[in-house]
Amino acid sequence: MPPSAVIPVLVYPTVREAVDWLCNAFGFIERWEAKGHRAQLLVGSGAVVVVDGESGGSCGAHSVMVRVENIDLHHGRAMLWGARVLSPPADYPYGERQYTAEDPGGHRWTFSQSIADLEPEAWGGVSGPGMTRG
């Protein structure tokens, strides 16, 4: 994950077309792409995730991804405040532990804690020009 604390997740009909357009028109830099259904783009010190609207689930709507230090503690707090949890905390092969919740306004939020530092190729992704190790 890039160091951004908040990352918008935007839905497009076709990920590759969206990535190409955003990179060419707005100067974003592709960091990685995952099998045509998701890509991460760098913009300055921030990032944007582009997802395929056909993927369904939490990818089927615009959302915001937020990095947190302790996902389980964060999830517990959200539950106490009545967040509607769409997917409970789970570990993913791309090195993140995440959960997705909906706020009272119907907005989707995915909270993510990095648990491993992996190259995209290790989980089936493809590194782009913005994928550098620092």
N, C-alpha and C. Protein backbone atom coordinates (compact mmCIF):
# COMPACT_ATOMS: atom_id res chain seq x y z
N MET A 1 0.85 -1.18 0.00
CA MET A 1 0.00 0.00 0.00
C MET A 1 0.90 1.24 0.00
N PRO A 2 0.44 2.27 -0.72
CA PRO A 2 1.18 3.53 -0.64
C PRO A 2 0.95 4.16 0.74
N PRO A 3 1.73 5.17 1.10
CA PRO A 3 1.61 5.74 2.44
C PRO A 3 0.33 6.54 2.68
N SER A 4 -0.50 6.71 1.68
CA SER A 4 -1.74 7.48 1.83
C SER A 4 -2.61 6.91 2.94
N ALA A 5 -3.17 7.77 3.75
CA ALA A 5 -4.07 7.32 4.81
C ALA A 5 -5.48 7.08 4.29
N VAL A 6 -5.90 7.84 3.28
CA VAL A 6 -7.24 7.73 2.71
C VAL A 6 -7.11 7.55 1.20
N ILE A 7 -7.78 6.53 0.68
CA ILE A 7 -7.69 6.22 -0.75
C ILE A 7 -9.09 6.05 -1.32
N PRO A 8 -9.53 6.93 -2.25
CA PRO A 8 -10.83 6.73 -2.89
C PRO A 8 -10.80 5.48 -3.76
N VAL A 9 -11.92 4.76 -3.79
CA VAL A 9 -12.10 3.59 -4.64
C VAL A 9 -13.23 3.93 -5.61
N LEU A 10 -12.88 4.05 -6.89
CA LEU A 10 -13.83 4.49 -7.91
C LEU A 10 -14.18 3.36 -8.86
N VAL A 11 -15.46 3.25 -9.17
CA VAL A 11 -15.98 2.20 -10.04
C VAL A 11 -16.06 2.70 -11.47
N TYR A 12 -15.57 1.90 -12.41
CA TYR A 12 -15.62 2.21 -13.84
C TYR A 12 -16.10 0.97 -14.59
N PRO A 13 -16.71 1.16 -15.76
CA PRO A 13 -17.15 -0.01 -16.55
C PRO A 13 -15.98 -0.90 -16.97
N THR A 14 -14.85 -0.29 -17.32
CA THR A 14 -13.67 -1.06 -17.75
C THR A 14 -12.44 -0.48 -17.08
N VAL A 15 -11.78 -1.30 -16.28
CA VAL A 15 -10.62 -0.83 -15.52
C VAL A 15 -9.50 -0.34 -16.44
N ARG A 16 -9.13 -1.13 -17.44
CA ARG A 16 -8.00 -0.76 -18.30
C ARG A 16 -8.25 0.57 -19.00
N GLU A 17 -9.46 0.78 -19.53
CA GLU A 17 -9.78 2.05 -20.19
C GLU A 17 -9.70 3.21 -19.20
N ALA A 18 -10.19 3.00 -17.99
CA ALA A 18 -10.15 4.05 -16.97
C ALA A 18 -8.71 4.37 -16.58
N VAL A 19 -7.89 3.35 -16.39
CA VAL A 19 -6.48 3.56 -16.03
C VAL A 19 -5.77 4.34 -17.11
N ASP A 20 -5.94 3.91 -18.35
CA ASP A 20 -5.28 4.61 -19.46
C ASP A 20 -5.72 6.06 -19.52
N TRP A 21 -7.02 6.32 -19.39
CA TRP A 21 -7.52 7.68 -19.47
C TRP A 21 -7.01 8.53 -18.31
N LEU A 22 -7.11 8.03 -17.09
CA LEU A 22 -6.67 8.80 -15.92
C LEU A 22 -5.17 9.10 -15.97
N CYS A 23 -4.39 8.14 -16.44
CA CYS A 23 -2.94 8.36 -16.55
C CYS A 23 -2.62 9.38 -17.64
N ASN A 24 -3.28 9.26 -18.78
CA ASN A 24 -3.02 10.18 -19.88
C ASN A 24 -3.60 11.57 -19.64
N ALA A 25 -4.83 11.65 -19.15
CA ALA A 25 -5.50 12.94 -18.99
C ALA A 25 -5.06 13.69 -17.73
N PHE A 26 -4.89 12.97 -16.62
CA PHE A 26 -4.62 13.62 -15.35
C PHE A 26 -3.20 13.40 -14.85
N GLY A 27 -2.41 12.62 -15.56
CA GLY A 27 -1.03 12.39 -15.16
C GLY A 27 -0.84 11.42 -14.01
N PHE A 28 -1.86 10.60 -13.69
CA PHE A 28 -1.69 9.59 -12.66
C PHE A 28 -0.67 8.56 -13.14
N ILE A 29 -0.09 7.80 -12.22
CA ILE A 29 0.90 6.77 -12.56
C ILE A 29 0.38 5.44 -12.04
N GLU A 30 0.31 4.46 -12.93
CA GLU A 30 -0.17 3.14 -12.52
C GLU A 30 0.85 2.48 -11.60
N ARG A 31 0.40 2.04 -10.44
CA ARG A 31 1.28 1.34 -9.49
C ARG A 31 1.21 -0.16 -9.72
N TRP A 32 -0.02 -0.69 -9.82
CA TRP A 32 -0.21 -2.10 -10.14
C TRP A 32 -1.61 -2.34 -10.68
N GLU A 33 -1.77 -3.50 -11.30
CA GLU A 33 -3.07 -3.92 -11.85
C GLU A 33 -3.29 -5.38 -11.48
N ALA A 34 -4.53 -5.74 -11.19
CA ALA A 34 -4.85 -7.11 -10.79
C ALA A 34 -5.92 -7.69 -11.71
N LYS A 35 -5.47 -8.46 -12.68
CA LYS A 35 -6.33 -9.27 -13.54
C LYS A 35 -7.49 -8.51 -14.17
N GLY A 36 -7.29 -7.24 -14.47
CA GLY A 36 -8.30 -6.46 -15.17
C GLY A 36 -9.49 -6.01 -14.34
N HIS A 37 -9.53 -6.35 -13.04
CA HIS A 37 -10.68 -5.94 -12.24
C HIS A 37 -10.35 -4.86 -11.20
N ARG A 38 -9.05 -4.54 -11.04
CA ARG A 38 -8.66 -3.56 -10.03
C ARG A 38 -7.28 -3.02 -10.38
N ALA A 39 -7.06 -1.74 -10.12
CA ALA A 39 -5.73 -1.14 -10.32
C ALA A 39 -5.54 -0.04 -9.28
N GLN A 40 -4.29 0.21 -8.94
CA GLN A 40 -3.98 1.28 -8.01
C GLN A 40 -3.13 2.30 -8.75
N LEU A 41 -3.53 3.56 -8.65
CA LEU A 41 -2.85 4.65 -9.33
C LEU A 41 -2.30 5.63 -8.30
N LEU A 42 -1.10 6.15 -8.58
CA LEU A 42 -0.51 7.16 -7.72
C LEU A 42 -0.85 8.54 -8.27
N VAL A 43 -1.12 9.46 -7.37
CA VAL A 43 -1.36 10.84 -7.74
C VAL A 43 -0.70 11.70 -6.66
N GLY A 44 0.45 12.30 -7.00
CA GLY A 44 1.22 13.04 -5.99
C GLY A 44 1.59 12.11 -4.86
N SER A 45 1.32 12.50 -3.62
CA SER A 45 1.60 11.63 -2.47
C SER A 45 0.40 10.77 -2.10
N GLY A 46 -0.64 10.81 -2.94
CA GLY A 46 -1.85 10.03 -2.69
C GLY A 46 -2.03 8.90 -3.68
N ALA A 47 -3.19 8.27 -3.60
CA ALA A 47 -3.50 7.15 -4.48
C ALA A 47 -4.99 7.09 -4.74
N VAL A 48 -5.35 6.41 -5.83
CA VAL A 48 -6.74 6.14 -6.19
C VAL A 48 -6.78 4.68 -6.61
N VAL A 49 -7.82 3.96 -6.21
CA VAL A 49 -8.02 2.60 -6.67
C VAL A 49 -9.18 2.63 -7.67
N VAL A 50 -8.99 1.96 -8.79
CA VAL A 50 -10.01 1.86 -9.84
C VAL A 50 -10.49 0.41 -9.85
N VAL A 51 -11.81 0.19 -9.77
CA VAL A 51 -12.36 -1.16 -9.77
C VAL A 51 -13.40 -1.32 -10.87
N ASP A 52 -13.59 -2.56 -11.27
CA ASP A 52 -14.56 -2.93 -12.29
C ASP A 52 -15.95 -2.99 -11.66
N GLY A 53 -16.89 -2.26 -12.21
CA GLY A 53 -18.25 -2.24 -11.70
C GLY A 53 -18.97 -3.57 -11.80
N GLU A 54 -18.47 -4.46 -12.64
CA GLU A 54 -19.09 -5.77 -12.82
C GLU A 54 -18.66 -6.76 -11.75
N SER A 55 -17.68 -6.42 -10.92
CA SER A 55 -17.13 -7.37 -9.95
C SER A 55 -18.11 -7.68 -8.83
N GLY A 56 -19.06 -6.78 -8.56
CA GLY A 56 -20.03 -7.02 -7.50
C GLY A 56 -19.43 -6.83 -6.12
N GLY A 57 -20.19 -7.19 -5.09
CA GLY A 57 -19.73 -7.06 -3.71
C GLY A 57 -19.36 -5.64 -3.38
N SER A 58 -18.34 -5.47 -2.57
CA SER A 58 -17.94 -4.13 -2.13
C SER A 58 -17.32 -3.34 -3.28
N CYS A 59 -16.99 -4.01 -4.40
CA CYS A 59 -16.43 -3.29 -5.55
C CYS A 59 -17.53 -2.66 -6.39
N GLY A 60 -18.77 -2.96 -6.14
CA GLY A 60 -19.86 -2.49 -6.98
C GLY A 60 -20.31 -1.07 -6.71
N ALA A 61 -19.69 -0.38 -5.76
CA ALA A 61 -20.08 0.99 -5.44
C ALA A 61 -18.82 1.79 -5.11
N HIS A 62 -18.87 3.09 -5.34
CA HIS A 62 -17.76 3.94 -4.92
C HIS A 62 -17.59 3.77 -3.41
N SER A 63 -16.35 3.86 -2.96
CA SER A 63 -16.09 3.74 -1.54
C SER A 63 -14.80 4.47 -1.21
N VAL A 64 -14.45 4.46 0.06
CA VAL A 64 -13.21 5.07 0.52
C VAL A 64 -12.45 4.02 1.31
N MET A 65 -11.14 3.90 1.03
CA MET A 65 -10.29 2.99 1.80
C MET A 65 -9.46 3.83 2.76
N VAL A 66 -9.39 3.36 4.01
CA VAL A 66 -8.66 4.09 5.04
C VAL A 66 -7.69 3.12 5.72
N ARG A 67 -6.44 3.53 5.80
CA ARG A 67 -5.43 2.72 6.49
C ARG A 67 -5.54 2.94 7.99
N VAL A 68 -5.50 1.86 8.75
CA VAL A 68 -5.54 1.93 10.20
C VAL A 68 -4.42 1.07 10.78
N GLU A 69 -4.06 1.32 12.03
CA GLU A 69 -2.99 0.59 12.70
C GLU A 69 -3.44 -0.77 13.23
N ASN A 70 -4.67 -0.85 13.75
CA ASN A 70 -5.16 -2.09 14.36
C ASN A 70 -6.58 -2.35 13.86
N ILE A 71 -6.70 -3.20 12.86
CA ILE A 71 -7.99 -3.42 12.20
C ILE A 71 -9.03 -4.01 13.15
N ASP A 72 -8.62 -4.92 14.02
CA ASP A 72 -9.59 -5.57 14.90
C ASP A 72 -10.14 -4.60 15.94
N LEU A 73 -9.28 -3.76 16.49
CA LEU A 73 -9.73 -2.73 17.43
C LEU A 73 -10.66 -1.74 16.72
N HIS A 74 -10.29 -1.35 15.51
CA HIS A 74 -11.10 -0.42 14.74
C HIS A 74 -12.47 -1.03 14.43
N HIS A 75 -12.49 -2.28 14.03
CA HIS A 75 -13.74 -2.98 13.73
C HIS A 75 -14.64 -3.03 14.96
N GLY A 76 -14.05 -3.34 16.12
CA GLY A 76 -14.83 -3.38 17.36
C GLY A 76 -15.48 -2.05 17.67
N ARG A 77 -14.75 -0.97 17.49
CA ARG A 77 -15.29 0.36 17.74
C ARG A 77 -16.44 0.66 16.78
N ALA A 78 -16.23 0.33 15.50
CA ALA A 78 -17.29 0.56 14.51
C ALA A 78 -18.56 -0.21 14.86
N MET A 79 -18.39 -1.45 15.32
CA MET A 79 -19.54 -2.27 15.71
C MET A 79 -20.28 -1.63 16.88
N LEU A 80 -19.53 -1.11 17.87
CA LEU A 80 -20.17 -0.46 19.03
C LEU A 80 -21.02 0.73 18.60
N TRP A 81 -20.61 1.41 17.53
CA TRP A 81 -21.33 2.58 17.06
C TRP A 81 -22.38 2.25 15.99
N GLY A 82 -22.61 0.97 15.76
CA GLY A 82 -23.70 0.56 14.88
C GLY A 82 -23.37 0.54 13.40
N ALA A 83 -22.10 0.48 13.05
CA ALA A 83 -21.76 0.37 11.63
C ALA A 83 -22.33 -0.93 11.08
N ARG A 84 -22.82 -0.88 9.87
CA ARG A 84 -23.31 -2.08 9.18
C ARG A 84 -22.10 -2.72 8.49
N VAL A 85 -21.63 -3.82 9.03
CA VAL A 85 -20.44 -4.48 8.49
C VAL A 85 -20.84 -5.33 7.29
N LEU A 86 -20.26 -5.01 6.15
CA LEU A 86 -20.55 -5.74 4.90
C LEU A 86 -19.63 -6.93 4.73
N SER A 87 -18.40 -6.81 5.23
CA SER A 87 -17.47 -7.94 5.24
C SER A 87 -16.60 -7.80 6.48
N PRO A 88 -16.53 -8.83 7.31
CA PRO A 88 -15.75 -8.75 8.55
C PRO A 88 -14.25 -8.76 8.28
N PRO A 89 -13.44 -8.45 9.29
CA PRO A 89 -12.00 -8.46 9.09
C PRO A 89 -11.51 -9.81 8.54
N ALA A 90 -10.69 -9.71 7.51
CA ALA A 90 -10.13 -10.92 6.89
C ALA A 90 -8.76 -10.58 6.32
N ASP A 91 -7.90 -11.60 6.29
CA ASP A 91 -6.57 -11.45 5.69
C ASP A 91 -6.66 -11.76 4.20
N TYR A 92 -5.96 -10.96 3.39
CA TYR A 92 -5.98 -11.15 1.94
C TYR A 92 -4.58 -11.45 1.44
N PRO A 93 -4.47 -12.19 0.33
CA PRO A 93 -3.16 -12.61 -0.17
C PRO A 93 -2.26 -11.46 -0.61
N TYR A 94 -2.80 -10.26 -0.79
CA TYR A 94 -1.99 -9.12 -1.20
C TYR A 94 -1.39 -8.39 0.00
N GLY A 95 -1.47 -8.98 1.19
CA GLY A 95 -0.78 -8.44 2.35
C GLY A 95 -1.56 -7.45 3.19
N GLU A 96 -2.87 -7.46 3.06
CA GLU A 96 -3.70 -6.55 3.84
C GLU A 96 -4.73 -7.33 4.64
N ARG A 97 -5.08 -6.83 5.81
CA ARG A 97 -6.20 -7.32 6.60
C ARG A 97 -7.23 -6.20 6.52
N GLN A 98 -8.44 -6.53 6.07
CA GLN A 98 -9.43 -5.49 5.79
C GLN A 98 -10.83 -5.89 6.23
N TYR A 99 -11.65 -4.87 6.44
CA TYR A 99 -13.10 -5.08 6.57
C TYR A 99 -13.80 -3.91 5.90
N THR A 100 -15.04 -4.14 5.51
CA THR A 100 -15.83 -3.10 4.84
C THR A 100 -17.11 -2.88 5.63
N ALA A 101 -17.45 -1.62 5.81
CA ALA A 101 -18.66 -1.25 6.55
C ALA A 101 -19.39 -0.13 5.81
N GLU A 102 -20.64 0.01 6.16
CA GLU A 102 -21.46 1.08 5.58
C GLU A 102 -21.85 2.03 6.70
N ASP A 103 -21.75 3.33 6.45
CA ASP A 103 -22.13 4.32 7.46
C ASP A 103 -23.63 4.60 7.35
N PRO A 104 -24.19 5.38 8.28
CA PRO A 104 -25.63 5.66 8.25
C PRO A 104 -26.10 6.36 6.97
N GLY A 105 -25.19 7.00 6.24
CA GLY A 105 -25.55 7.65 4.99
C GLY A 105 -25.48 6.72 3.79
N GLY A 106 -25.11 5.44 4.02
CA GLY A 106 -25.02 4.49 2.93
C GLY A 106 -23.68 4.48 2.23
N HIS A 107 -22.70 5.22 2.75
CA HIS A 107 -21.37 5.24 2.15
C HIS A 107 -20.56 4.03 2.60
N ARG A 108 -19.82 3.45 1.66
CA ARG A 108 -19.01 2.27 1.96
C ARG A 108 -17.58 2.69 2.30
N TRP A 109 -17.06 2.06 3.34
CA TRP A 109 -15.71 2.32 3.82
C TRP A 109 -14.99 0.99 3.98
N THR A 110 -13.79 0.88 3.42
CA THR A 110 -12.95 -0.29 3.64
C THR A 110 -11.77 0.16 4.48
N PHE A 111 -11.58 -0.50 5.61
CA PHE A 111 -10.47 -0.19 6.50
C PHE A 111 -9.42 -1.28 6.32
N SER A 112 -8.16 -0.87 6.23
CA SER A 112 -7.09 -1.79 5.85
C SER A 112 -5.87 -1.62 6.74
N GLN A 113 -5.32 -2.76 7.17
CA GLN A 113 -4.07 -2.80 7.93
C GLN A 113 -3.09 -3.64 7.15
N SER A 114 -1.91 -3.10 6.86
CA SER A 114 -0.88 -3.86 6.15
C SER A 114 -0.31 -4.92 7.08
N ILE A 115 -0.28 -6.18 6.60
CA ILE A 115 0.26 -7.28 7.40
C ILE A 115 1.44 -7.95 6.71
N ALA A 116 1.68 -7.62 5.44
CA ALA A 116 2.84 -8.16 4.70
C ALA A 116 3.17 -7.21 3.57
N ASP A 117 4.45 -7.10 3.25
CA ASP A 117 4.90 -6.24 2.16
C ASP A 117 5.26 -7.13 0.97
N LEU A 118 4.33 -7.25 0.02
CA LEU A 118 4.48 -8.18 -1.09
C LEU A 118 4.50 -7.47 -2.44
N GLU A 119 5.28 -8.00 -3.35
CA GLU A 119 5.25 -7.53 -4.74
C GLU A 119 3.92 -7.97 -5.35
N PRO A 120 3.31 -7.18 -6.23
CA PRO A 120 2.04 -7.58 -6.86
C PRO A 120 2.11 -8.95 -7.53
N GLU A 121 3.23 -9.30 -8.10
CA GLU A 121 3.36 -10.60 -8.77
C GLU A 121 3.19 -11.78 -7.80
N ALA A 122 3.44 -11.56 -6.50
CA ALA A 122 3.31 -12.62 -5.50
C ALA A 122 1.85 -13.02 -5.28
N TRP A 123 0.91 -12.13 -5.61
CA TRP A 123 -0.51 -12.44 -5.42
C TRP A 123 -1.31 -12.37 -6.72
N GLY A 124 -0.61 -12.39 -7.86
CA GLY A 124 -1.31 -12.43 -9.14
C GLY A 124 -1.48 -11.09 -9.81
N GLY A 125 -0.91 -10.03 -9.25
CA GLY A 125 -0.99 -8.70 -9.85
C GLY A 125 0.19 -8.47 -10.78
N VAL A 126 0.20 -7.29 -11.38
CA VAL A 126 1.27 -6.90 -12.29
C VAL A 126 1.76 -5.52 -11.87
N SER A 127 3.06 -5.39 -11.63
CA SER A 127 3.64 -4.09 -11.25
C SER A 127 3.55 -3.11 -12.42
N GLY A 128 3.24 -1.87 -12.11
CA GLY A 128 3.23 -0.80 -13.11
C GLY A 128 4.43 0.11 -12.88
N PRO A 129 4.55 1.19 -13.68
CA PRO A 129 5.68 2.09 -13.57
C PRO A 129 5.80 2.78 -12.21
N GLY A 130 4.72 2.87 -11.47
CA GLY A 130 4.75 3.55 -10.16
C GLY A 130 5.10 2.64 -9.00
N MET A 131 5.39 1.37 -9.29
CA MET A 131 5.69 0.42 -8.23
C MET A 131 7.18 0.43 -7.94
N THR A 132 7.57 1.17 -6.92
CA THR A 132 8.97 1.24 -6.53
C THR A 132 9.10 0.87 -5.08
N ARG A 133 10.22 0.39 -4.71
CA ARG A 133 10.50 0.03 -3.32
C ARG A 133 11.30 1.16 -2.70
N GLY A 134 10.89 1.58 -1.49
CA GLY A 134 11.60 2.67 -0.88
C GLY A 134 12.10 2.40 0.42
